[in-house]
PDB file of N, CA and C in Angstrom:
ATOM      1  N   UNK A   1      -0.173 -43.918 -21.547  1.00  0.00           N
ATOM      2  CA  UNK A   1       1.388 -44.762 -20.762  1.00  0.00           C
ATOM      3  C   UNK A   1       0.518 -45.704 -20.715  1.00  0.00           C
ATOM      4  N   UNK A   2      -0.197 -45.862 -20.509  1.00  0.00           N
ATOM      5  CA  UNK A   2      -0.747 -47.621 -20.584  1.00  0.00           C
ATOM      6  C   UNK A   2      -1.174 -48.136 -21.764  1.00  0.00           C
ATOM      7  N   UNK A   3      -0.781 -49.539 -22.187  1.00  0.00           N
ATOM      8  CA  UNK A   3      -1.622 -50.467 -23.158  1.00  0.00           C
ATOM      9  C   UNK A   3      -2.951 -50.661 -23.296  1.00  0.00           C
ATOM     10  N   UNK A   4      -3.455 -51.014 -23.776  1.00  0.00           N
ATOM     11  CA  UNK A   4      -5.458 -51.508 -24.089  1.00  0.00           C
ATOM     12  C   UNK A   4      -4.787 -53.364 -23.961  1.00  0.00           C
ATOM     13  N   UNK A   5      -5.215 -53.846 -22.806  1.00  0.00           N
ATOM     14  CA  UNK A   5      -5.065 -55.226 -22.683  1.00  0.00           C
ATOM     15  C   UNK A   5      -6.375 -56.316 -22.864  1.00  0.00           C
ATOM     16  N   UNK A   6      -6.100 -56.995 -24.188  1.00  0.00           N
ATOM     17  CA  UNK A   6      -7.188 -58.220 -24.293  1.00  0.00           C
ATOM     18  C   UNK A   6      -7.991 -58.541 -22.562  1.00  0.00           C
ATOM     19  N   UNK A   7      -9.054 -58.753 -22.919  1.00  0.00           N
ATOM     20  CA  UNK A   7     -10.007 -59.469 -22.122  1.00  0.00           C
ATOM     21  C   UNK A   7      -9.421 -60.811 -21.982  1.00  0.00           C
ATOM     22  N   UNK A   8      -9.631 -61.008 -20.556  1.00  0.00           N
ATOM     23  CA  UNK A   8      -8.947 -62.726 -20.079  1.00  0.00           C
ATOM     24  C   UNK A   8      -7.317 -63.102 -19.951  1.00  0.00           C
ATOM     25  N   UNK A   9      -6.577 -61.342 -20.219  1.00  0.00           N
ATOM     26  CA  UNK A   9      -5.109 -61.422 -20.528  1.00  0.00           C
ATOM     27  C   UNK A   9      -4.362 -61.583 -19.036  1.00  0.00           C
ATOM     28  N   UNK A  10      -3.305 -62.425 -18.559  1.00  0.00           N
ATOM     29  CA  UNK A  10      -3.028 -62.232 -17.208  1.00  0.00           C
ATOM     30  C   UNK A  10      -1.705 -60.300 -17.632  1.00  0.00           C
ATOM     31  N   UNK A  11      -1.655 -60.353 -18.660  1.00  0.00           N
ATOM     32  CA  UNK A  11      -0.536 -59.538 -18.750  1.00  0.00           C
ATOM     33  C   UNK A  11      -1.138 -58.042 -17.510  1.00  0.00           C
ATOM     34  N   UNK A  12      -2.265 -58.122 -17.746  1.00  0.00           N
ATOM     35  CA  UNK A  12      -2.804 -56.162 -17.322  1.00  0.00           C
ATOM     36  C   UNK A  12      -2.357 -57.048 -15.688  1.00  0.00           C
ATOM     37  N   UNK A  13      -2.816 -58.164 -15.065  1.00  0.00           N
ATOM     38  CA  UNK A  13      -2.276 -57.983 -13.497  1.00  0.00           C
ATOM     39  C   UNK A  13      -1.128 -58.488 -13.567  1.00  0.00           C
ATOM     40  N   UNK A  14       0.179 -58.563 -14.139  1.00  0.00           N
ATOM     41  CA  UNK A  14       1.275 -58.753 -14.308  1.00  0.00           C
ATOM     42  C   UNK A  14       2.006 -57.120 -14.341  1.00  0.00           C
ATOM     43  N   UNK A  15       1.475 -56.401 -15.051  1.00  0.00           N
ATOM     44  CA  UNK A  15       1.313 -55.178 -15.337  1.00  0.00           C
ATOM     45  C   UNK A  15       1.297 -54.569 -13.877  1.00  0.00           C
ATOM     46  N   UNK A  16       0.300 -54.502 -13.296  1.00  0.00           N
ATOM     47  CA  UNK A  16      -0.407 -54.194 -12.359  1.00  0.00           C
ATOM     48  C   UNK A  16       0.895 -54.359 -10.923  1.00  0.00           C
ATOM     49  N   UNK A  17       1.457 -55.769 -10.936  1.00  0.00           N
ATOM     50  CA  UNK A  17       2.336 -55.796  -9.908  1.00  0.00           C
ATOM     51  C   UNK A  17       3.570 -55.589  -9.979  1.00  0.00           C
ATOM     52  N   UNK A  18       3.969 -55.255 -11.529  1.00  0.00           N
ATOM     53  CA  UNK A  18       5.300 -54.254 -11.734  1.00  0.00           C
ATOM     54  C   UNK A  18       5.089 -53.097 -11.277  1.00  0.00           C
ATOM     55  N   UNK A  19       4.389 -52.105 -11.662  1.00  0.00           N
ATOM     56  CA  UNK A  19       4.150 -50.869 -11.586  1.00  0.00           C
ATOM     57  C   UNK A  19       3.972 -50.600 -10.285  1.00  0.00           C
ATOM     58  N   UNK A  20       3.317 -51.472  -9.370  1.00  0.00           N
ATOM     59  CA  UNK A  20       3.437 -51.597  -7.930  1.00  0.00           C
ATOM     60  C   UNK A  20       4.837 -51.968  -6.992  1.00  0.00           C
ATOM     61  N   UNK A  21       5.440 -52.392  -8.074  1.00  0.00           N
ATOM     62  CA  UNK A  21       6.436 -53.105  -7.180  1.00  0.00           C
ATOM     63  C   UNK A  21       7.741 -51.465  -7.025  1.00  0.00           C
ATOM     64  N   UNK A  22       7.378 -51.145  -8.941  1.00  0.00           N
ATOM     65  CA  UNK A  22       8.084 -50.056  -8.892  1.00  0.00           C
ATOM     66  C   UNK A  22       8.089 -48.939  -8.015  1.00  0.00           C
ATOM     67  N   UNK A  23       6.775 -48.336  -7.617  1.00  0.00           N
ATOM     68  CA  UNK A  23       6.293 -47.263  -7.175  1.00  0.00           C
ATOM     69  C   UNK A  23       6.661 -47.726  -5.400  1.00  0.00           C
ATOM     70  N   UNK A  24       6.334 -48.637  -5.015  1.00  0.00           N
ATOM     71  CA  UNK A  24       7.385 -49.445  -3.802  1.00  0.00           C
ATOM     72  C   UNK A  24       8.447 -49.030  -3.540  1.00  0.00           C
ATOM     73  N   UNK A  25       9.226 -49.565  -4.430  1.00  0.00           N
ATOM     74  CA  UNK A  25      10.700 -49.197  -4.374  1.00  0.00           C
ATOM     75  C   UNK A  25      10.575 -47.549  -4.160  1.00  0.00           C
ATOM     76  N   UNK A  26      10.398 -46.914  -5.248  1.00  0.00           N
ATOM     77  CA  UNK A  26      10.637 -45.517  -5.596  1.00  0.00           C
ATOM     78  C   UNK A  26      10.298 -44.462  -4.468  1.00  0.00           C
ATOM     79  N   UNK A  27       9.090 -44.914  -3.372  1.00  0.00           N
ATOM     80  CA  UNK A  27       8.520 -44.060  -2.338  1.00  0.00           C
ATOM     81  C   UNK A  27       9.284 -44.913  -1.325  1.00  0.00           C
ATOM     82  N   UNK A  28      10.379 -45.668  -0.831  1.00  0.00           N
ATOM     83  CA  UNK A  28      11.136 -46.540   0.118  1.00  0.00           C
ATOM     84  C   UNK A  28      12.279 -45.478  -0.733  1.00  0.00           C
ATOM     85  N   UNK A  29      13.208 -45.146  -1.153  1.00  0.00           N
ATOM     86  CA  UNK A  29      14.079 -43.976  -1.976  1.00  0.00           C
ATOM     87  C   UNK A  29      13.667 -43.076  -1.361  1.00  0.00           C
ATOM     88  N   UNK A  30      12.846 -42.285  -1.959  1.00  0.00           N
ATOM     89  CA  UNK A  30      12.582 -40.572  -1.360  1.00  0.00           C
ATOM     90  C   UNK A  30      12.417 -40.913  -0.164  1.00  0.00           C
ATOM     91  N   UNK A  31      11.894 -41.556   0.127  1.00  0.00           N
ATOM     92  CA  UNK A  31      11.826 -41.706   2.012  1.00  0.00           C
ATOM     93  C   UNK A  31      12.869 -42.116   2.754  1.00  0.00           C
ATOM     94  N   UNK A  32      13.955 -43.027   2.276  1.00  0.00           N
ATOM     95  CA  UNK A  32      15.152 -43.198   2.781  1.00  0.00           C
ATOM     96  C   UNK A  32      15.800 -41.660   2.541  1.00  0.00           C
ATOM     97  N   UNK A  33      15.777 -40.924   1.368  1.00  0.00           N
ATOM     98  CA  UNK A  33      16.744 -40.086   1.327  1.00  0.00           C
ATOM     99  C   UNK A  33      16.273 -38.831   2.244  1.00  0.00           C
ATOM    100  N   UNK A  34      14.630 -38.267   2.874  1.00  0.00           N
ATOM    101  CA  UNK A  34      14.585 -37.326   3.429  1.00  0.00           C
ATOM    102  C   UNK A  34      14.939 -38.418   4.570  1.00  0.00           C
ATOM    103  N   UNK A  35      14.613 -38.930   5.247  1.00  0.00           N
ATOM    104  CA  UNK A  35      15.191 -39.396   7.136  1.00  0.00           C
ATOM    105  C   UNK A  35      16.712 -39.222   6.638  1.00  0.00           C
ATOM    106  N   UNK A  36      17.533 -39.571   5.663  1.00  0.00           N
ATOM    107  CA  UNK A  36      18.834 -39.390   5.690  1.00  0.00           C
ATOM    108  C   UNK A  36      19.086 -38.036   5.846  1.00  0.00           C
ATOM    109  N   UNK A  37      18.599 -37.602   4.922  1.00  0.00           N
ATOM    110  CA  UNK A  37      18.966 -35.803   5.177  1.00  0.00           C
ATOM    111  C   UNK A  37      18.439 -35.312   6.273  1.00  0.00           C
ATOM    112  N   UNK A  38      17.457 -35.708   7.451  1.00  0.00           N
ATOM    113  CA  UNK A  38      17.187 -35.300   8.329  1.00  0.00           C
ATOM    114  C   UNK A  38      18.519 -35.350   9.115  1.00  0.00           C
ATOM    115  N   UNK A  39      18.182 -36.706   9.198  1.00  0.00           N
ATOM    116  CA  UNK A  39      19.317 -37.297  10.558  1.00  0.00           C
ATOM    117  C   UNK A  39      20.886 -36.471  10.311  1.00  0.00           C
ATOM    118  N   UNK A  40      21.400 -36.460   8.885  1.00  0.00           N
ATOM    119  CA  UNK A  40      22.544 -35.158   8.745  1.00  0.00           C
ATOM    120  C   UNK A  40      22.144 -33.904   8.997  1.00  0.00           C
ATOM    121  N   UNK A  41      21.540 -33.723   9.105  1.00  0.00           N
ATOM    122  CA  UNK A  41      20.837 -31.985   9.788  1.00  0.00           C
ATOM    123  C   UNK A  41      21.323 -31.823  10.974  1.00  0.00           C
ATOM    124  N   UNK A  42      20.461 -33.161  11.847  1.00  0.00           N
ATOM    125  CA  UNK A  42      20.729 -33.210  13.118  1.00  0.00           C
ATOM    126  C   UNK A  42      22.333 -33.635  13.428  1.00  0.00           C
ATOM    127  N   UNK A  43      22.756 -33.515  12.622  1.00  0.00           N
ATOM    128  CA  UNK A  43      24.695 -34.163  13.105  1.00  0.00           C
ATOM    129  C   UNK A  43      24.776 -35.635  12.947  1.00  0.00           C
ATOM    130  N   UNK A  44      23.830 -36.424  12.917  1.00  0.00           N
ATOM    131  CA  UNK A  44      24.031 -37.764  12.765  1.00  0.00           C
ATOM    132  C   UNK A  44      23.782 -38.174  12.090  1.00  0.00           C
ATOM    133  N   UNK A  45      24.811 -38.276  11.044  1.00  0.00           N
ATOM    134  CA  UNK A  45      24.807 -39.141   9.402  1.00  0.00           C
ATOM    135  C   UNK A  45      24.578 -40.698   9.836  1.00  0.00           C
ATOM    136  N   UNK A  46      23.945 -41.130   8.715  1.00  0.00           N
ATOM    137  CA  UNK A  46      23.938 -42.444   8.565  1.00  0.00           C
ATOM    138  C   UNK A  46      24.552 -42.946   7.464  1.00  0.00           C
ATOM    139  N   UNK A  47      25.754 -44.168   8.097  1.00  0.00           N
ATOM    140  CA  UNK A  47      26.449 -44.419   7.462  1.00  0.00           C
ATOM    141  C   UNK A  47      27.161 -45.965   7.434  1.00  0.00           C
ATOM    142  N   UNK A  48      27.215 -46.496   6.322  1.00  0.00           N
ATOM    143  CA  UNK A  48      27.710 -47.899   6.123  1.00  0.00           C
ATOM    144  C   UNK A  48      28.302 -48.328   4.982  1.00  0.00           C
ATOM    145  N   UNK A  49      28.801 -49.099   5.434  1.00  0.00           N
ATOM    146  CA  UNK A  49      29.846 -49.598   4.018  1.00  0.00           C
ATOM    147  C   UNK A  49      29.350 -50.880   3.954  1.00  0.00           C
ATOM    148  N   UNK A  50      29.469 -51.595   2.505  1.00  0.00           N
ATOM    149  CA  UNK A  50      29.725 -52.595   2.536  1.00  0.00           C
ATOM    150  C   UNK A  50      30.735 -53.187   1.339  1.00  0.00           C
ATOM    151  N   UNK A  51      31.480 -53.835   1.512  1.00  0.00           N
ATOM    152  CA  UNK A  51      33.490 -54.012   1.096  1.00  0.00           C
ATOM    153  C   UNK A  51      33.500 -52.582   1.035  1.00  0.00           C
ATOM    154  N   UNK A  52      33.870 -51.954  -0.333  1.00  0.00           N
ATOM    155  CA  UNK A  52      34.633 -50.925  -0.698  1.00  0.00           C
ATOM    156  C   UNK A  52      33.466 -49.713  -1.109  1.00  0.00           C
ATOM    157  N   UNK A  53      32.589 -50.198  -0.796  1.00  0.00           N
ATOM    158  CA  UNK A  53      31.052 -49.305  -1.130  1.00  0.00           C
ATOM    159  C   UNK A  53      30.914 -48.137   0.085  1.00  0.00           C
ATOM    160  N   UNK A  54      31.155 -47.089   0.668  1.00  0.00           N
ATOM    161  CA  UNK A  54      30.869 -46.543   1.468  1.00  0.00           C
ATOM    162  C   UNK A  54      28.752 -45.941   1.400  1.00  0.00           C
ATOM    163  N   UNK A  55      27.879 -45.645   1.578  1.00  0.00           N
ATOM    164  CA  UNK A  55      27.244 -44.839   2.345  1.00  0.00           C
ATOM    165  C   UNK A  55      27.012 -44.149   3.264  1.00  0.00           C
ATOM    166  N   UNK A  56      27.416 -42.496   2.832  1.00  0.00           N
ATOM    167  CA  UNK A  56      27.865 -41.791   3.752  1.00  0.00           C
ATOM    168  C   UNK A  56      26.819 -40.284   3.545  1.00  0.00           C
ATOM    169  N   UNK A  57      26.166 -40.113   2.593  1.00  0.00           N
ATOM    170  CA  UNK A  57      24.945 -39.274   1.824  1.00  0.00           C
ATOM    171  C   UNK A  57      23.679 -39.282   1.617  1.00  0.00           C
ATOM    172  N   UNK A  58      22.940 -38.371   2.162  1.00  0.00           N
ATOM    173  CA  UNK A  58      21.650 -38.977   1.624  1.00  0.00           C
ATOM    174  C   UNK A  58      21.557 -38.995  -0.231  1.00  0.00           C
ATOM    175  N   UNK A  59      21.916 -38.848  -0.876  1.00  0.00           N
ATOM    176  CA  UNK A  59      21.837 -39.479  -2.483  1.00  0.00           C
ATOM    177  C   UNK A  59      22.814 -40.246  -2.597  1.00  0.00           C
ATOM    178  N   UNK A  60      23.832 -40.648  -1.674  1.00  0.00           N
ATOM    179  CA  UNK A  60      24.228 -42.323  -2.136  1.00  0.00           C
ATOM    180  C   UNK A  60      23.514 -43.141  -1.474  1.00  0.00           C
ATOM    181  N   UNK A  61      22.423 -43.349  -0.407  1.00  0.00           N
ATOM    182  CA  UNK A  61      21.625 -43.986   0.119  1.00  0.00           C
ATOM    183  C   UNK A  61      20.364 -44.201  -0.594  1.00  0.00           C
ATOM    184  N   UNK A  62      19.487 -42.835  -1.907  1.00  0.00           N
ATOM    185  CA  UNK A  62      18.765 -42.667  -2.356  1.00  0.00           C
ATOM    186  C   UNK A  62      19.303 -43.930  -3.280  1.00  0.00           C
ATOM    187  N   UNK A  63      20.623 -43.964  -3.959  1.00  0.00           N
ATOM    188  CA  UNK A  63      20.624 -44.341  -5.160  1.00  0.00           C
ATOM    189  C   UNK A  63      20.302 -45.751  -4.892  1.00  0.00           C
ATOM    190  N   UNK A  64      21.069 -46.257  -3.895  1.00  0.00           N
ATOM    191  CA  UNK A  64      22.031 -47.166  -3.390  1.00  0.00           C
ATOM    192  C   UNK A  64      20.210 -47.964  -3.388  1.00  0.00           C
ATOM    193  N   UNK A  65      19.015 -47.776  -2.181  1.00  0.00           N
ATOM    194  CA  UNK A  65      17.876 -47.909  -2.317  1.00  0.00           C
ATOM    195  C   UNK A  65      17.269 -48.126  -3.415  1.00  0.00           C
ATOM    196  N   UNK A  66      17.145 -47.633  -4.390  1.00  0.00           N
ATOM    197  CA  UNK A  66      16.798 -47.542  -5.619  1.00  0.00           C
ATOM    198  C   UNK A  66      17.069 -48.386  -6.531  1.00  0.00           C
ATOM    199  N   UNK A  67      18.596 -48.314  -6.690  1.00  0.00           N
ATOM    200  CA  UNK A  67      18.861 -49.984  -7.495  1.00  0.00           C
ATOM    201  C   UNK A  67      19.303 -51.237  -6.376  1.00  0.00           C
ATOM    202  N   UNK A  68      19.776 -51.248  -5.575  1.00  0.00           N
ATOM    203  CA  UNK A  68      20.025 -52.718  -4.843  1.00  0.00           C
ATOM    204  C   UNK A  68      18.663 -52.820  -3.766  1.00  0.00           C
ATOM    205  N   UNK A  69      17.150 -52.068  -4.036  1.00  0.00           N
ATOM    206  CA  UNK A  69      15.921 -51.999  -3.110  1.00  0.00           C
ATOM    207  C   UNK A  69      16.046 -53.486  -2.197  1.00  0.00           C
ATOM    208  N   UNK A  70      16.348 -54.645  -2.508  1.00  0.00           N
ATOM    209  CA  UNK A  70      15.865 -55.752  -1.988  1.00  0.00           C
ATOM    210  C   UNK A  70      17.457 -56.035  -0.858  1.00  0.00           C
ATOM    211  N   UNK A  71      18.857 -55.435  -0.871  1.00  0.00           N
ATOM    212  CA  UNK A  71      19.854 -55.321  -0.570  1.00  0.00           C
ATOM    213  C   UNK A  71      19.684 -53.935   0.884  1.00  0.00           C
ATOM    214  N   UNK A  72      19.770 -52.963   0.267  1.00  0.00           N
ATOM    215  CA  UNK A  72      20.490 -51.558   0.888  1.00  0.00           C
ATOM    216  C   UNK A  72      19.038 -50.707   1.791  1.00  0.00           C
ATOM    217  N   UNK A  73      17.608 -51.650   1.223  1.00  0.00           N
ATOM    218  CA  UNK A  73      16.441 -50.870   2.384  1.00  0.00           C
ATOM    219  C   UNK A  73      16.783 -51.795   3.848  1.00  0.00           C
ATOM    220  N   UNK A  74      16.945 -53.016   3.731  1.00  0.00           N
ATOM    221  CA  UNK A  74      16.906 -53.109   5.063  1.00  0.00           C
ATOM    222  C   UNK A  74      18.766 -53.113   6.048  1.00  0.00           C
ATOM    223  N   UNK A  75      19.459 -52.976   5.019  1.00  0.00           N
ATOM    224  CA  UNK A  75      20.706 -52.151   5.548  1.00  0.00           C
ATOM    225  C   UNK A  75      20.434 -50.701   5.753  1.00  0.00           C
ATOM    226  N   UNK A  76      19.759 -49.847   5.741  1.00  0.00           N
ATOM    227  CA  UNK A  76      19.446 -49.036   5.607  1.00  0.00           C
ATOM    228  C   UNK A  76      18.672 -48.683   7.274  1.00  0.00           C
ATOM    229  N   UNK A  77      17.696 -49.392   7.675  1.00  0.00           N
ATOM    230  CA  UNK A  77      16.907 -49.285   8.595  1.00  0.00           C
ATOM    231  C   UNK A  77      18.067 -50.007   9.622  1.00  0.00           C
ATOM    232  N   UNK A  78      18.485 -50.806   9.015  1.00  0.00           N
ATOM    233  CA  UNK A  78      19.767 -51.193  10.683  1.00  0.00           C
ATOM    234  C   UNK A  78      20.571 -50.457  10.663  1.00  0.00           C
ATOM    235  N   UNK A  79      20.856 -50.239  10.040  1.00  0.00           N
ATOM    236  CA  UNK A  79      21.895 -48.539  10.246  1.00  0.00           C
ATOM    237  C   UNK A  79      21.532 -47.560  10.243  1.00  0.00           C
ATOM    238  N   UNK A  80      20.678 -47.314  10.261  1.00  0.00           N
ATOM    239  CA  UNK A  80      19.873 -46.172  11.219  1.00  0.00           C
ATOM    240  C   UNK A  80      19.359 -45.992  12.053  1.00  0.00           C
ATOM    241  N   UNK A  81      19.017 -47.625  12.424  1.00  0.00           N
ATOM    242  CA  UNK A  81      18.882 -47.933  13.966  1.00  0.00           C
ATOM    243  C   UNK A  81      19.973 -47.893  15.217  1.00  0.00           C
ATOM    244  N   UNK A  82      21.338 -48.229  14.648  1.00  0.00           N
ATOM    245  CA  UNK A  82      22.486 -48.246  15.190  1.00  0.00           C
ATOM    246  C   UNK A  82      23.143 -46.605  15.381  1.00  0.00           C
ATOM    247  N   UNK A  83      22.976 -45.596  14.488  1.00  0.00           N
ATOM    248  CA  UNK A  83      22.806 -43.859  14.463  1.00  0.00           C
ATOM    249  C   UNK A  83      22.900 -43.435  15.586  1.00  0.00           C
TER     250      UNK A  83
END
């Protein structure tokens, strides 16, 4: 999975940072999915809309956070506190 990196190269550090960021994005998207599912099961779904994009279902929240993490994770947290 990982390629050998020459000693003294900054590529290793860059790959570590990139891997960490992707892992954080994936973990937070999974958390959002589980949290949105639990809220929906309690009868309090977390719903938000941005323009014509409506986020109603846990799968929609998961994909939105995974693909647009920087915008949708704060939106989810804000919508969650209002639900």
